[in-house]
């Protein structure tokens, strides 16, 4: 019995010894391998390491080496986020320029003669034709039938028509939002609508087409309007342009 135990103990020691020898041998092999790797000469090329080719030798060293394609590594492209450049605007101060106000022109008498009836918009005056009292929206300038009627200032002919009471009529627009109206004209009008006329240019002749003033002596009925309101023409005719004698 004692002998059997001794044999078992001897076998255990033998096994342990064999295992330790194997471990020591494995450790020695590992150390030698590491030393060889450290002492091996390094191969340097002009090509980056990542581009160098790798040779795989044959086991018997008789066949030529097989070269694998180099591994190409690319650096990922970093795209910078696009930012909109700041736009700088120069603020030019806005200067409000007032448009020039059109000034009324200087008017002349549209025909030569005496003023037989003045402007009377607030006070009633007697009408020989109608035999009553009524307002008078312009002035009557006595003249001979056929005497020339002239534009009182530069302007544009805007209307030509036959008024049922005041007869043949011509309207001229002027600067300063003013208009002149020529009535009781003869039928022979020498201008057309849209014509530009100059001060003193003949536009027609004195007639007797105004039924409402037919009992009066031959005359030109002359009116003037400012911004659509009738005004006294004599207030807009300068003394230098006045070439008539007033009838009282």
C-alpha atoms as a PDB file:
ATOM      1  CA  UNK A   1       0.000   0.000   0.000  1.00  0.00           C
ATOM      2  CA  UNK A   2       2.770   2.396   0.923  1.00  0.00           C
ATOM      3  CA  UNK A   3       4.583   1.538  -2.272  1.00  0.00           C
ATOM      4  CA  UNK A   4       1.561   2.435  -4.360  1.00  0.00           C
ATOM      5  CA  UNK A   5       1.343   5.872  -2.785  1.00  0.00           C
ATOM      6  CA  UNK A   6       5.030   6.461  -3.495  1.00  0.00           C
ATOM      7  CA  UNK A   7       4.514   5.565  -7.148  1.00  0.00           C
ATOM      8  CA  UNK A   8       1.622   8.027  -7.430  1.00  0.00           C
ATOM      9  CA  UNK A   9       3.674  10.793  -5.809  1.00  0.00           C
ATOM     10  CA  UNK A  10       6.594  10.092  -8.173  1.00  0.00           C
ATOM     11  CA  UNK A  11       4.255  10.269 -11.196  1.00  0.00           C
ATOM     12  CA  UNK A  12       2.822  13.603 -10.044  1.00  0.00           C
ATOM     13  CA  UNK A  13       6.297  15.102  -9.639  1.00  0.00           C
ATOM     14  CA  UNK A  14       7.235  13.858 -13.095  1.00  0.00           C
ATOM     15  CA  UNK A  15       4.166  15.441 -14.688  1.00  0.00           C
ATOM     16  CA  UNK A  16       4.801  18.782 -12.960  1.00  0.00           C
ATOM     17  CA  UNK A  17       8.435  18.718 -14.067  1.00  0.00           C
ATOM     18  CA  UNK A  18       7.468  18.045 -17.696  1.00  0.00           C
ATOM     19  CA  UNK A  19       4.908  20.917 -17.664  1.00  0.00           C
ATOM     20  CA  UNK A  20       7.442  23.370 -16.208  1.00  0.00           C
ATOM     21  CA  UNK A  21      10.067  22.387 -18.779  1.00  0.00           C
ATOM     22  CA  UNK A  22       7.552  22.958 -21.564  1.00  0.00           C
ATOM     23  CA  UNK A  23       6.631  26.377 -20.138  1.00  0.00           C
ATOM     24  CA  UNK A  24      10.293  27.362 -19.900  1.00  0.00           C
ATOM     25  CA  UNK A  25      10.905  26.280 -23.474  1.00  0.00           C
ATOM     26  CA  UNK A  26       7.876  28.262 -24.723  1.00  0.00           C
ATOM     27  CA  UNK A  27       9.039  31.344 -22.851  1.00  0.00           C
ATOM     28  CA  UNK A  28      12.525  31.026 -24.308  1.00  0.00           C
ATOM     29  CA  UNK A  29      11.151  30.714 -27.852  1.00  0.00           C
ATOM     30  CA  UNK A  30       9.057  33.831 -27.328  1.00  0.00           C
ATOM     31  CA  UNK A  31      12.013  35.832 -26.076  1.00  0.00           C
ATOM     32  CA  UNK A  32      14.176  34.784 -29.009  1.00  0.00           C
ATOM     33  CA  UNK A  33      11.469  35.729 -31.496  1.00  0.00           C
ATOM     34  CA  UNK A  34      11.067  39.161 -29.983  1.00  0.00           C
ATOM     35  CA  UNK A  35      14.829  39.745 -30.049  1.00  0.00           C
ATOM     36  CA  UNK A  36      15.021  38.770 -33.707  1.00  0.00           C
ATOM     37  CA  UNK A  37      12.240  41.207 -34.584  1.00  0.00           C
ATOM     38  CA  UNK A  38      14.030  44.048 -32.821  1.00  0.00           C
ATOM     39  CA  UNK A  39      17.381  43.328 -34.494  1.00  0.00           C
ATOM     40  CA  UNK A  40      15.959  42.916 -38.018  1.00  0.00           C
ATOM     41  CA  UNK A  41      17.023  45.853 -40.398  1.00  0.00           C
ATOM     42  CA  UNK A  42      14.223  48.245 -41.290  1.00  0.00           C
ATOM     43  CA  UNK A  43      13.412  48.748 -45.016  1.00  0.00           C
ATOM     44  CA  UNK A  44      12.994  52.383 -45.969  1.00  0.00           C
ATOM     45  CA  UNK A  45      11.582  53.577 -49.264  1.00  0.00           C
ATOM     46  CA  UNK A  46      10.587  56.922 -50.665  1.00  0.00           C
ATOM     47  CA  UNK A  47       7.058  55.666 -50.774  1.00  0.00           C
ATOM     48  CA  UNK A  48       4.919  56.130 -47.685  1.00  0.00           C
ATOM     49  CA  UNK A  49       4.510  53.042 -45.547  1.00  0.00           C
ATOM     50  CA  UNK A  50       0.855  52.826 -46.447  1.00  0.00           C
ATOM     51  CA  UNK A  51       1.844  52.681 -50.190  1.00  0.00           C
ATOM     52  CA  UNK A  52       4.666  50.059 -49.878  1.00  0.00           C
ATOM     53  CA  UNK A  53       4.055  46.678 -51.490  1.00  0.00           C
ATOM     54  CA  UNK A  54       4.089  43.511 -49.411  1.00  0.00           C
ATOM     55  CA  UNK A  55       5.953  40.420 -50.652  1.00  0.00           C
ATOM     56  CA  UNK A  56       4.799  36.948 -49.740  1.00  0.00           C
ATOM     57  CA  UNK A  57       7.697  34.436 -50.092  1.00  0.00           C
ATOM     58  CA  UNK A  58       7.112  30.844 -51.153  1.00  0.00           C
ATOM     59  CA  UNK A  59       7.672  28.155 -48.582  1.00  0.00           C
ATOM     60  CA  UNK A  60      10.568  26.578 -50.557  1.00  0.00           C
ATOM     61  CA  UNK A  61      12.073  30.003 -51.559  1.00  0.00           C
ATOM     62  CA  UNK A  62      12.129  28.799 -55.167  1.00  0.00           C
ATOM     63  CA  UNK A  63       9.176  30.676 -56.682  1.00  0.00           C
ATOM     64  CA  UNK A  64       9.218  34.442 -57.285  1.00  0.00           C
ATOM     65  CA  UNK A  65       7.594  36.596 -54.698  1.00  0.00           C
ATOM     66  CA  UNK A  66       3.993  37.622 -55.179  1.00  0.00           C
ATOM     67  CA  UNK A  67       3.431  41.375 -54.787  1.00  0.00           C
ATOM     68  CA  UNK A  68       0.105  42.556 -53.558  1.00  0.00           C
ATOM     69  CA  UNK A  69      -1.356  45.886 -54.667  1.00  0.00           C
ATOM     70  CA  UNK A  70      -0.476  48.685 -52.315  1.00  0.00           C
ATOM     71  CA  UNK A  71      -3.179  49.861 -50.061  1.00  0.00           C
ATOM     72  CA  UNK A  72      -4.140  53.396 -50.874  1.00  0.00           C
ATOM     73  CA  UNK A  73      -5.389  55.431 -48.032  1.00  0.00           C
ATOM     74  CA  UNK A  74      -7.160  58.699 -48.710  1.00  0.00           C
ATOM     75  CA  UNK A  75      -7.721  61.482 -46.327  1.00  0.00           C
ATOM     76  CA  UNK A  76     -11.412  62.281 -46.128  1.00  0.00           C
ATOM     77  CA  UNK A  77     -12.233  65.702 -47.600  1.00  0.00           C
ATOM     78  CA  UNK A  78     -13.655  68.050 -45.052  1.00  0.00           C
ATOM     79  CA  UNK A  79     -16.182  70.400 -46.539  1.00  0.00           C
ATOM     80  CA  UNK A  80     -16.398  73.670 -44.746  1.00  0.00           C
ATOM     81  CA  UNK A  81     -19.950  74.919 -44.279  1.00  0.00           C
ATOM     82  CA  UNK A  82     -20.796  77.742 -46.716  1.00  0.00           C
ATOM     83  CA  UNK A  83     -21.571  80.980 -45.064  1.00  0.00           C
ATOM     84  CA  UNK A  84     -23.264  83.783 -46.944  1.00  0.00           C
ATOM     85  CA  UNK A  85     -20.993  86.818 -47.001  1.00  0.00           C
ATOM     86  CA  UNK A  86     -22.350  89.763 -45.184  1.00  0.00           C
ATOM     87  CA  UNK A  87     -23.825  92.331 -47.538  1.00  0.00           C
ATOM     88  CA  UNK A  88     -23.097  95.867 -46.616  1.00  0.00           C
ATOM     89  CA  UNK A  89     -25.342  98.493 -48.065  1.00  0.00           C
ATOM     90  CA  UNK A  90     -24.680 102.149 -47.994  1.00  0.00           C
ATOM     91  CA  UNK A  91     -27.641 104.184 -46.917  1.00  0.00           C
ATOM     92  CA  UNK A  92     -27.826 107.257 -49.041  1.00  0.00           C
ATOM     93  CA  UNK A  93     -29.934 109.879 -47.355  1.00  0.00           C
ATOM     94  CA  UNK A  94     -33.112 110.578 -49.273  1.00  0.00           C
ATOM     95  CA  UNK A  95     -33.522 114.223 -50.003  1.00  0.00           C
ATOM     96  CA  UNK A  96     -37.048 115.290 -50.689  1.00  0.00           C
ATOM     97  CA  UNK A  97     -36.867 117.675 -53.585  1.00  0.00           C
ATOM     98  CA  UNK A  98     -39.998 119.698 -53.952  1.00  0.00           C
ATOM     99  CA  UNK A  99     -41.245 119.944 -57.488  1.00  0.00           C
ATOM    100  CA  UNK A 100     -41.276 123.468 -58.785  1.00  0.00           C
ATOM    101  CA  UNK A 101     -44.683 125.041 -58.559  1.00  0.00           C
ATOM    102  CA  UNK A 102     -45.991 126.156 -61.938  1.00  0.00           C
ATOM    103  CA  UNK A 103     -46.455 129.906 -61.941  1.00  0.00           C
ATOM    104  CA  UNK A 104     -49.334 131.502 -63.773  1.00  0.00           C
ATOM    105  CA  UNK A 105     -48.181 133.352 -66.894  1.00  0.00           C
ATOM    106  CA  UNK A 106     -48.639 137.035 -67.577  1.00  0.00           C
ATOM    107  CA  UNK A 107     -51.873 137.581 -69.482  1.00  0.00           C
ATOM    108  CA  UNK A 108     -52.714 140.126 -72.157  1.00  0.00           C
ATOM    109  CA  UNK A 109     -56.061 141.412 -73.380  1.00  0.00           C
ATOM    110  CA  UNK A 110     -57.417 138.910 -75.947  1.00  0.00           C
ATOM    111  CA  UNK A 111     -58.763 141.666 -78.224  1.00  0.00           C
ATOM    112  CA  UNK A 112     -58.617 145.441 -78.486  1.00  0.00           C
ATOM    113  CA  UNK A 113     -61.634 147.298 -77.210  1.00  0.00           C
ATOM    114  CA  UNK A 114     -63.493 148.768 -74.307  1.00  0.00           C
ATOM    115  CA  UNK A 115     -64.740 146.706 -71.341  1.00  0.00           C
ATOM    116  CA  UNK A 116     -68.502 147.217 -71.483  1.00  0.00           C
ATOM    117  CA  UNK A 117     -69.384 144.822 -68.687  1.00  0.00           C
ATOM    118  CA  UNK A 118     -67.124 143.749 -65.821  1.00  0.00           C
ATOM    119  CA  UNK A 119     -66.827 140.542 -63.834  1.00  0.00           C
ATOM    120  CA  UNK A 120     -69.606 140.296 -61.223  1.00  0.00           C
ATOM    121  CA  UNK A 121     -69.998 136.955 -59.497  1.00  0.00           C
ATOM    122  CA  UNK A 122     -71.456 138.251 -56.224  1.00  0.00           C
ATOM    123  CA  UNK A 123     -73.521 141.235 -57.376  1.00  0.00           C
ATOM    124  CA  UNK A 124     -76.340 140.885 -59.913  1.00  0.00           C
ATOM    125  CA  UNK A 125     -76.112 143.042 -63.067  1.00  0.00           C
ATOM    126  CA  UNK A 126     -78.810 143.870 -65.585  1.00  0.00           C
ATOM    127  CA  UNK A 127     -78.999 141.875 -68.831  1.00  0.00           C
ATOM    128  CA  UNK A 128     -80.350 143.815 -71.820  1.00  0.00           C
ATOM    129  CA  UNK A 129     -81.115 140.587 -73.635  1.00  0.00           C
ATOM    130  CA  UNK A 130     -82.847 138.719 -70.795  1.00  0.00           C
ATOM    131  CA  UNK A 131     -84.205 141.941 -69.237  1.00  0.00           C
ATOM    132  CA  UNK A 132     -83.371 140.747 -65.743  1.00  0.00           C
ATOM    133  CA  UNK A 133     -80.574 140.839 -63.175  1.00  0.00           C
ATOM    134  CA  UNK A 134     -78.052 138.021 -63.044  1.00  0.00           C
ATOM    135  CA  UNK A 135     -74.382 137.313 -62.366  1.00  0.00           C
ATOM    136  CA  UNK A 136     -71.717 137.909 -65.006  1.00  0.00           C
ATOM    137  CA  UNK A 137     -68.931 135.305 -65.002  1.00  0.00           C
ATOM    138  CA  UNK A 138     -66.423 137.218 -67.139  1.00  0.00           C
ATOM    139  CA  UNK A 139     -65.809 140.507 -68.871  1.00  0.00           C
ATOM    140  CA  UNK A 140     -67.283 141.774 -72.162  1.00  0.00           C
ATOM    141  CA  UNK A 141     -64.785 143.528 -74.456  1.00  0.00           C
ATOM    142  CA  UNK A 142     -66.518 145.608 -77.119  1.00  0.00           C
ATOM    143  CA  UNK A 143     -65.120 145.172 -80.640  1.00  0.00           C
ATOM    144  CA  UNK A 144     -66.124 145.085 -84.275  1.00  0.00           C
ATOM    145  CA  UNK A 145     -67.495 141.889 -85.797  1.00  0.00           C
ATOM    146  CA  UNK A 146     -64.611 139.939 -87.278  1.00  0.00           C
ATOM    147  CA  UNK A 147     -61.899 141.529 -85.102  1.00  0.00           C
ATOM    148  CA  UNK A 148     -59.159 139.086 -84.208  1.00  0.00           C
ATOM    149  CA  UNK A 149     -59.325 137.223 -80.889  1.00  0.00           C
ATOM    150  CA  UNK A 150     -55.911 136.229 -79.504  1.00  0.00           C
ATOM    151  CA  UNK A 151     -54.681 133.745 -76.913  1.00  0.00           C
ATOM    152  CA  UNK A 152     -54.204 135.674 -73.669  1.00  0.00           C
ATOM    153  CA  UNK A 153     -51.069 133.618 -72.789  1.00  0.00           C
ATOM    154  CA  UNK A 154     -49.105 130.550 -73.841  1.00  0.00           C
ATOM    155  CA  UNK A 155     -51.117 127.384 -73.436  1.00  0.00           C
ATOM    156  CA  UNK A 156     -52.822 124.360 -74.974  1.00  0.00           C
ATOM    157  CA  UNK A 157     -56.246 124.359 -76.640  1.00  0.00           C
ATOM    158  CA  UNK A 158     -58.272 121.844 -74.631  1.00  0.00           C
ATOM    159  CA  UNK A 159     -61.878 122.470 -75.747  1.00  0.00           C
ATOM    160  CA  UNK A 160     -63.773 123.802 -78.764  1.00  0.00           C
ATOM    161  CA  UNK A 161     -67.552 123.560 -78.632  1.00  0.00           C
ATOM    162  CA  UNK A 162     -70.861 125.310 -79.253  1.00  0.00           C
ATOM    163  CA  UNK A 163     -72.464 126.469 -76.019  1.00  0.00           C
ATOM    164  CA  UNK A 164     -76.288 126.661 -76.311  1.00  0.00           C
ATOM    165  CA  UNK A 165     -76.365 130.075 -74.602  1.00  0.00           C
ATOM    166  CA  UNK A 166     -72.880 131.612 -75.093  1.00  0.00           C
ATOM    167  CA  UNK A 167     -72.254 130.379 -78.628  1.00  0.00           C
ATOM    168  CA  UNK A 168     -68.946 129.327 -80.178  1.00  0.00           C
ATOM    169  CA  UNK A 169     -66.410 128.671 -77.388  1.00  0.00           C
ATOM    170  CA  UNK A 170     -62.656 127.985 -77.148  1.00  0.00           C
ATOM    171  CA  UNK A 171     -60.907 126.935 -73.892  1.00  0.00           C
ATOM    172  CA  UNK A 172     -57.127 127.193 -73.382  1.00  0.00           C
ATOM    173  CA  UNK A 173     -55.226 125.655 -70.422  1.00  0.00           C
ATOM    174  CA  UNK A 174     -52.226 127.539 -68.979  1.00  0.00           C
ATOM    175  CA  UNK A 175     -49.533 126.994 -66.348  1.00  0.00           C
ATOM    176  CA  UNK A 176     -50.518 127.581 -62.733  1.00  0.00           C
ATOM    177  CA  UNK A 177     -53.754 125.546 -63.134  1.00  0.00           C
ATOM    178  CA  UNK A 178     -55.408 128.380 -65.032  1.00  0.00           C
ATOM    179  CA  UNK A 179     -57.809 128.400 -67.973  1.00  0.00           C
ATOM    180  CA  UNK A 180     -59.124 131.113 -70.267  1.00  0.00           C
ATOM    181  CA  UNK A 181     -62.519 130.897 -71.981  1.00  0.00           C
ATOM    182  CA  UNK A 182     -63.365 132.781 -75.192  1.00  0.00           C
ATOM    183  CA  UNK A 183     -67.091 132.969 -76.105  1.00  0.00           C
ATOM    184  CA  UNK A 184     -69.434 134.691 -78.552  1.00  0.00           C
ATOM    185  CA  UNK A 185     -66.928 133.910 -81.287  1.00  0.00           C
ATOM    186  CA  UNK A 186     -67.518 133.688 -85.014  1.00  0.00           C
ATOM    187  CA  UNK A 187     -67.750 130.218 -86.502  1.00  0.00           C
ATOM    188  CA  UNK A 188     -64.304 130.374 -88.152  1.00  0.00           C
ATOM    189  CA  UNK A 189     -62.006 128.962 -85.439  1.00  0.00           C
ATOM    190  CA  UNK A 190     -58.348 128.919 -86.510  1.00  0.00           C
ATOM    191  CA  UNK A 191     -57.021 126.369 -83.978  1.00  0.00           C
ATOM    192  CA  UNK A 192     -57.726 122.743 -83.123  1.00  0.00           C
ATOM    193  CA  UNK A 193     -57.914 120.850 -79.847  1.00  0.00           C
ATOM    194  CA  UNK A 194     -54.408 119.921 -78.708  1.00  0.00           C
ATOM    195  CA  UNK A 195     -52.683 122.853 -80.404  1.00  0.00           C
ATOM    196  CA  UNK A 196     -49.983 124.676 -78.483  1.00  0.00           C
ATOM    197  CA  UNK A 197     -50.593 128.396 -78.810  1.00  0.00           C
ATOM    198  CA  UNK A 198     -48.435 131.394 -77.980  1.00  0.00           C
ATOM    199  CA  UNK A 199     -49.506 134.574 -76.271  1.00  0.00           C
ATOM    200  CA  UNK A 200     -51.061 136.892 -78.907  1.00  0.00           C
ATOM    201  CA  UNK A 201     -51.661 134.073 -81.427  1.00  0.00           C
ATOM    202  CA  UNK A 202     -54.991 134.456 -83.251  1.00  0.00           C
ATOM    203  CA  UNK A 203     -57.490 131.741 -82.396  1.00  0.00           C
ATOM    204  CA  UNK A 204     -60.687 133.181 -83.923  1.00  0.00           C
ATOM    205  CA  UNK A 205     -62.754 136.346 -84.420  1.00  0.00           C
ATOM    206  CA  UNK A 206     -65.405 138.347 -82.619  1.00  0.00           C
ATOM    207  CA  UNK A 207     -68.900 137.135 -83.529  1.00  0.00           C
ATOM    208  CA  UNK A 208     -72.466 137.244 -82.255  1.00  0.00           C
ATOM    209  CA  UNK A 209     -73.182 133.595 -81.522  1.00  0.00           C
ATOM    210  CA  UNK A 210     -74.148 134.130 -77.835  1.00  0.00           C
ATOM    211  CA  UNK A 211     -77.954 134.094 -77.781  1.00  0.00           C
ATOM    212  CA  UNK A 212     -78.072 135.165 -74.158  1.00  0.00           C
ATOM    213  CA  UNK A 213     -76.134 138.383 -74.998  1.00  0.00           C
ATOM    214  CA  UNK A 214     -77.475 139.050 -78.500  1.00  0.00           C
ATOM    215  CA  UNK A 215     -78.952 142.416 -77.492  1.00  0.00           C
ATOM    216  CA  UNK A 216     -75.530 143.701 -76.483  1.00  0.00           C
ATOM    217  CA  UNK A 217     -73.221 145.389 -78.965  1.00  0.00           C
ATOM    218  CA  UNK A 218     -70.659 143.075 -80.642  1.00  0.00           C
ATOM    219  CA  UNK A 219     -68.145 141.929 -78.099  1.00  0.00           C
ATOM    220  CA  UNK A 220     -65.911 139.097 -76.879  1.00  0.00           C
ATOM    221  CA  UNK A 221     -67.083 137.402 -73.691  1.00  0.00           C
ATOM    222  CA  UNK A 222     -63.852 136.496 -71.867  1.00  0.00           C
ATOM    223  CA  UNK A 223     -63.656 134.336 -68.708  1.00  0.00           C
ATOM    224  CA  UNK A 224     -60.760 133.097 -66.574  1.00  0.00           C
ATOM    225  CA  UNK A 225     -60.612 130.204 -64.085  1.00  0.00           C
ATOM    226  CA  UNK A 226     -58.075 129.368 -61.386  1.00  0.00           C
ATOM    227  CA  UNK A 227     -58.175 125.755 -60.092  1.00  0.00           C
ATOM    228  CA  UNK A 228     -61.697 125.447 -61.478  1.00  0.00           C
ATOM    229  CA  UNK A 229     -63.003 128.627 -59.836  1.00  0.00           C
ATOM    230  CA  UNK A 230     -63.960 131.669 -61.915  1.00  0.00           C
ATOM    231  CA  UNK A 231     -61.882 134.781 -61.186  1.00  0.00           C
ATOM    232  CA  UNK A 232     -61.820 138.363 -62.438  1.00  0.00           C
ATOM    233  CA  UNK A 233     -59.627 138.437 -65.573  1.00  0.00           C
ATOM    234  CA  UNK A 234     -58.655 142.061 -64.986  1.00  0.00           C
ATOM    235  CA  UNK A 235     -56.870 141.055 -61.769  1.00  0.00           C
ATOM    236  CA  UNK A 236     -54.446 138.884 -63.805  1.00  0.00           C
ATOM    237  CA  UNK A 237     -53.654 141.319 -66.609  1.00  0.00           C
ATOM    238  CA  UNK A 238     -50.711 143.630 -65.891  1.00  0.00           C
ATOM    239  CA  UNK A 239     -50.935 147.370 -66.358  1.00  0.00           C
ATOM    240  CA  UNK A 240     -48.200 147.149 -68.981  1.00  0.00           C
ATOM    241  CA  UNK A 241     -50.356 144.776 -71.042  1.00  0.00           C
ATOM    242  CA  UNK A 242     -53.496 146.862 -70.664  1.00  0.00           C
ATOM    243  CA  UNK A 243     -54.277 148.495 -74.016  1.00  0.00           C
ATOM    244  CA  UNK A 244     -57.971 149.259 -73.596  1.00  0.00           C
ATOM    245  CA  UNK A 245     -60.098 152.104 -72.319  1.00  0.00           C
ATOM    246  CA  UNK A 246     -62.654 151.149 -69.673  1.00  0.00           C
ATOM    247  CA  UNK A 247     -66.251 152.101 -70.168  1.00  0.00           C
ATOM    248  CA  UNK A 248     -67.756 153.346 -66.954  1.00  0.00           C
END
